[in-house]
Amino acid sequence: MVTAKCLLMAIFALAGVLCLIVAATGAEWFFNSPQSLPGMLPRKAARVVTALLGVAVLLMASNIFHDTFPSLF
């Protein structure tokens, strides 16, 4: 069970970091996609929303870590 939680935590952490990198750099490959947020929002707002989603996903990974290894806190 710990292995599954660690894998899920790693996936969430990588997704969160990727969202933050995309938002910070304004990656063209992400924001030029027809399914991305700039189709609905201005570019700057889409970058802010992407950064907020990245933080939320990182907080989920942190919560999984805290639940899996409570003795470290």
N, C-alpha and C. Protein backbone atom coordinates (compact mmCIF):
# COMPACT_ATOMS: atom_id res chain seq x y z
N MET A 1 0.82 -1.20 0.00
CA MET A 1 0.00 0.00 0.00
C MET A 1 0.86 1.26 0.00
N VAL A 2 1.97 1.21 0.71
CA VAL A 2 2.86 2.37 0.74
C VAL A 2 3.44 2.64 -0.64
N THR A 3 3.73 1.58 -1.39
CA THR A 3 4.29 1.75 -2.74
C THR A 3 3.31 2.47 -3.65
N ALA A 4 2.04 2.11 -3.56
CA ALA A 4 1.01 2.75 -4.39
C ALA A 4 0.88 4.23 -4.02
N LYS A 5 0.91 4.53 -2.73
CA LYS A 5 0.81 5.93 -2.31
C LYS A 5 2.03 6.72 -2.76
N CYS A 6 3.19 6.11 -2.69
CA CYS A 6 4.41 6.80 -3.14
C CYS A 6 4.37 7.07 -4.64
N LEU A 7 3.86 6.11 -5.40
CA LEU A 7 3.75 6.30 -6.84
C LEU A 7 2.76 7.42 -7.15
N LEU A 8 1.62 7.42 -6.48
CA LEU A 8 0.63 8.47 -6.69
C LEU A 8 1.20 9.83 -6.29
N MET A 9 1.93 9.87 -5.19
CA MET A 9 2.54 11.11 -4.74
C MET A 9 3.54 11.62 -5.78
N ALA A 10 4.33 10.74 -6.34
CA ALA A 10 5.32 11.13 -7.34
C ALA A 10 4.64 11.67 -8.61
N ILE A 11 3.56 11.03 -9.02
CA ILE A 11 2.83 11.50 -10.20
C ILE A 11 2.26 12.89 -9.95
N PHE A 12 1.65 13.11 -8.79
CA PHE A 12 1.10 14.42 -8.46
C PHE A 12 2.21 15.47 -8.39
N ALA A 13 3.33 15.11 -7.78
CA ALA A 13 4.43 16.07 -7.66
C ALA A 13 4.97 16.45 -9.04
N LEU A 14 5.14 15.49 -9.91
CA LEU A 14 5.64 15.79 -11.25
C LEU A 14 4.65 16.65 -12.04
N ALA A 15 3.36 16.34 -11.91
CA ALA A 15 2.34 17.12 -12.61
C ALA A 15 2.31 18.56 -12.08
N GLY A 16 2.43 18.71 -10.77
CA GLY A 16 2.42 20.05 -10.19
C GLY A 16 3.62 20.87 -10.62
N VAL A 17 4.79 20.24 -10.61
CA VAL A 17 6.01 20.94 -11.03
C VAL A 17 5.92 21.31 -12.51
N LEU A 18 5.39 20.41 -13.33
CA LEU A 18 5.23 20.71 -14.75
C LEU A 18 4.29 21.90 -14.96
N CYS A 19 3.19 21.95 -14.21
CA CYS A 19 2.28 23.09 -14.31
C CYS A 19 2.97 24.39 -13.93
N LEU A 20 3.76 24.35 -12.88
CA LEU A 20 4.47 25.56 -12.46
C LEU A 20 5.52 26.00 -13.49
N ILE A 21 6.22 25.04 -14.07
CA ILE A 21 7.22 25.37 -15.09
C ILE A 21 6.55 25.97 -16.31
N VAL A 22 5.44 25.36 -16.74
CA VAL A 22 4.71 25.86 -17.91
C VAL A 22 4.21 27.28 -17.64
N ALA A 23 3.67 27.51 -16.45
CA ALA A 23 3.15 28.85 -16.13
C ALA A 23 4.27 29.87 -16.04
N ALA A 24 5.40 29.49 -15.46
CA ALA A 24 6.51 30.43 -15.29
C ALA A 24 7.18 30.79 -16.60
N THR A 25 7.28 29.83 -17.50
CA THR A 25 8.00 30.08 -18.76
C THR A 25 7.08 30.52 -19.89
N GLY A 26 5.77 30.32 -19.73
CA GLY A 26 4.85 30.66 -20.81
C GLY A 26 5.07 29.78 -22.02
N ALA A 27 5.24 28.50 -21.79
CA ALA A 27 5.61 27.54 -22.84
C ALA A 27 4.64 27.59 -24.02
N GLU A 28 5.19 27.88 -25.19
CA GLU A 28 4.38 28.00 -26.40
C GLU A 28 3.67 26.69 -26.74
N TRP A 29 4.33 25.56 -26.56
CA TRP A 29 3.74 24.28 -26.92
C TRP A 29 2.50 23.99 -26.10
N PHE A 30 2.41 24.54 -24.91
CA PHE A 30 1.23 24.32 -24.07
C PHE A 30 0.14 25.33 -24.37
N PHE A 31 0.50 26.59 -24.45
CA PHE A 31 -0.49 27.64 -24.59
C PHE A 31 -1.00 27.82 -26.01
N ASN A 32 -0.37 27.20 -27.00
CA ASN A 32 -0.87 27.27 -28.37
C ASN A 32 -1.79 26.12 -28.71
N SER A 33 -1.99 25.20 -27.79
CA SER A 33 -2.89 24.08 -28.01
C SER A 33 -4.33 24.59 -28.08
N PRO A 34 -5.13 24.10 -29.02
CA PRO A 34 -6.51 24.59 -29.13
C PRO A 34 -7.36 24.24 -27.91
N GLN A 35 -6.97 23.22 -27.14
CA GLN A 35 -7.74 22.82 -25.97
C GLN A 35 -7.27 23.51 -24.70
N SER A 36 -6.33 24.42 -24.78
CA SER A 36 -5.77 25.04 -23.58
C SER A 36 -6.60 26.24 -23.12
N LEU A 37 -6.24 26.75 -21.97
CA LEU A 37 -6.97 27.87 -21.36
C LEU A 37 -6.95 29.16 -22.17
N PRO A 38 -5.90 29.49 -22.92
CA PRO A 38 -5.94 30.76 -23.64
C PRO A 38 -7.06 30.86 -24.66
N GLY A 39 -7.64 29.75 -25.03
CA GLY A 39 -8.81 29.81 -25.90
C GLY A 39 -10.00 30.42 -25.18
N MET A 40 -10.02 30.28 -23.86
CA MET A 40 -11.13 30.81 -23.06
C MET A 40 -10.74 32.05 -22.27
N LEU A 41 -9.47 32.21 -21.96
CA LEU A 41 -8.97 33.30 -21.12
C LEU A 41 -7.84 34.03 -21.82
N PRO A 42 -7.58 35.26 -21.41
CA PRO A 42 -6.36 35.92 -21.91
C PRO A 42 -5.11 35.16 -21.45
N ARG A 43 -4.04 35.33 -22.15
CA ARG A 43 -2.82 34.56 -21.89
C ARG A 43 -2.31 34.71 -20.45
N LYS A 44 -2.29 35.95 -19.95
CA LYS A 44 -1.79 36.18 -18.60
C LYS A 44 -2.67 35.49 -17.56
N ALA A 45 -3.97 35.56 -17.74
CA ALA A 45 -4.89 34.89 -16.81
C ALA A 45 -4.73 33.38 -16.88
N ALA A 46 -4.50 32.86 -18.08
CA ALA A 46 -4.30 31.41 -18.23
C ALA A 46 -3.03 30.96 -17.52
N ARG A 47 -1.99 31.79 -17.55
CA ARG A 47 -0.75 31.45 -16.84
C ARG A 47 -0.97 31.45 -15.33
N VAL A 48 -1.75 32.40 -14.83
CA VAL A 48 -2.05 32.45 -13.39
C VAL A 48 -2.87 31.23 -12.98
N VAL A 49 -3.88 30.89 -13.76
CA VAL A 49 -4.71 29.72 -13.44
C VAL A 49 -3.86 28.45 -13.48
N THR A 50 -2.99 28.33 -14.46
CA THR A 50 -2.12 27.15 -14.54
C THR A 50 -1.20 27.07 -13.33
N ALA A 51 -0.67 28.20 -12.89
CA ALA A 51 0.20 28.21 -11.70
C ALA A 51 -0.60 27.81 -10.45
N LEU A 52 -1.81 28.31 -10.32
CA LEU A 52 -2.65 27.94 -9.17
C LEU A 52 -2.99 26.45 -9.18
N LEU A 53 -3.25 25.91 -10.36
CA LEU A 53 -3.49 24.46 -10.46
C LEU A 53 -2.25 23.67 -10.07
N GLY A 54 -1.08 24.16 -10.48
CA GLY A 54 0.16 23.49 -10.12
C GLY A 54 0.38 23.48 -8.61
N VAL A 55 0.09 24.59 -7.96
CA VAL A 55 0.22 24.65 -6.50
C VAL A 55 -0.78 23.71 -5.84
N ALA A 56 -2.01 23.66 -6.35
CA ALA A 56 -3.02 22.77 -5.78
C ALA A 56 -2.60 21.30 -5.90
N VAL A 57 -2.05 20.93 -7.04
CA VAL A 57 -1.62 19.55 -7.24
C VAL A 57 -0.43 19.23 -6.35
N LEU A 58 0.48 20.17 -6.18
CA LEU A 58 1.61 19.95 -5.26
C LEU A 58 1.13 19.82 -3.82
N LEU A 59 0.11 20.57 -3.44
CA LEU A 59 -0.46 20.42 -2.11
C LEU A 59 -1.10 19.04 -1.92
N MET A 60 -1.70 18.51 -2.98
CA MET A 60 -2.24 17.15 -2.90
C MET A 60 -1.12 16.14 -2.69
N ALA A 61 -0.01 16.31 -3.39
CA ALA A 61 1.13 15.42 -3.21
C ALA A 61 1.68 15.54 -1.79
N SER A 62 1.72 16.75 -1.27
CA SER A 62 2.18 16.96 0.10
C SER A 62 1.26 16.29 1.10
N ASN A 63 -0.03 16.35 0.86
CA ASN A 63 -0.99 15.70 1.75
C ASN A 63 -0.82 14.18 1.74
N ILE A 64 -0.59 13.61 0.57
CA ILE A 64 -0.35 12.16 0.48
C ILE A 64 0.92 11.80 1.23
N PHE A 65 1.97 12.63 1.09
CA PHE A 65 3.21 12.37 1.80
C PHE A 65 3.00 12.41 3.31
N HIS A 66 2.25 13.40 3.77
CA HIS A 66 1.99 13.54 5.21
C HIS A 66 1.17 12.36 5.73
N ASP A 67 0.20 11.89 4.94
CA ASP A 67 -0.61 10.74 5.37
C ASP A 67 0.17 9.43 5.34
N THR A 68 1.13 9.33 4.41
CA THR A 68 1.89 8.09 4.27
C THR A 68 3.00 7.99 5.31
N PHE A 69 3.63 9.10 5.62
CA PHE A 69 4.76 9.09 6.55
C PHE A 69 4.51 10.07 7.70
N PRO A 70 3.52 9.80 8.55
CA PRO A 70 3.22 10.75 9.63
C PRO A 70 4.31 10.83 10.69
N SER A 71 5.14 9.80 10.80
CA SER A 71 6.18 9.82 11.83
C SER A 71 7.30 10.81 11.52
N LEU A 72 7.35 11.32 10.29
CA LEU A 72 8.38 12.29 9.93
C LEU A 72 8.03 13.70 10.36
N PHE A 73 6.81 13.90 10.84
CA PHE A 73 6.37 15.25 11.22
C PHE A 73 6.17 15.33 12.71
